[in-house]
Amino acid sequence: MDERIERYFGQEISAEEKEKFEADLKSDPILADDVAFYLASKQAAQHVREIKLAQRHAEWSSQKQPDDARFVSLRTWYAVAAAVAFIAFGLAWYRLAPRSQDLQQLANGYTMENFTTLGVQMGSAEDSLQLAIHNYNRGQYATATAICEGILRKDPQHAEAKRVAGIIALKLLEYDKAIDYFHQLGEQQGLYANPGKFYEAIALLKRGAAGDREKAKDLLHQVIEGNLEGKEEAVKWMD
């Protein structure tokens, strides 16, 4: 668990660290998950303390009613035991149960961080593609798509046009189309850096249809084993 969590809630963190932690919390699903577990643990401990306090109060009150003392004490201890067992089971399940949503959350976080806007290199030799990216950044997705499709009609092997077209489709939630573009890109040979398989895994995770998670995991393993673009993220996601 991130050591910043306890310091953050204990107000033992600098203003700069606090700002960084809160920014990370918005974009890192694993950190958010750890924070949720930390808070649940704190709440569970507080619940046990409250039950024990109630038990002491019941014992004190029972001194005035000796006939009921044993019954009250046993009932309270049963409550404590049940609460502790329930909390222990709940926290263990929380930690050990399969987290089928984690990969999808990571994919969503990655797209938010990396695909909200794309870098533009105005004045480059790829002016048409840069115009498509510029339109994408302005929210003109239909225009951006049309430009990319025009480039691909002239040059079906244009890797960057496939990448951008796939990202646009992903933005529009056209997952089948995005998967197709990224799959074509991932199969393309001779590229210096090829994010196709990694992006295809992201699109599969976001679509979330039957079998998509398994296909995405297989692609992530291929990214890691092939030392492909996206390996750093894939290693973290599959850890």
Foldseek 3Di string as FASTA:
>chain_A
DDPVLVCQVVVNDDPVVNVVLVVCCVQPVVSVLVNVLVVLVVVLVVVLVVLVVVLVVLQVVCVVPVVCNVVSNVVSVVVSVVSVVVSVVVSVCSVPPDPLCNVLSNLVSVCVVDVQAHDADPPDPPNLLSVLRVCVNVVVLVVSLVSLVVVCVVPVLPLVSLVSNLSSCVVVVVLVSNLVSLVVQVPDPDDPATCSLQSNLSSLSNVPDPPSPVSSLVSLVVCCVVVHPPVVVSVVSVD
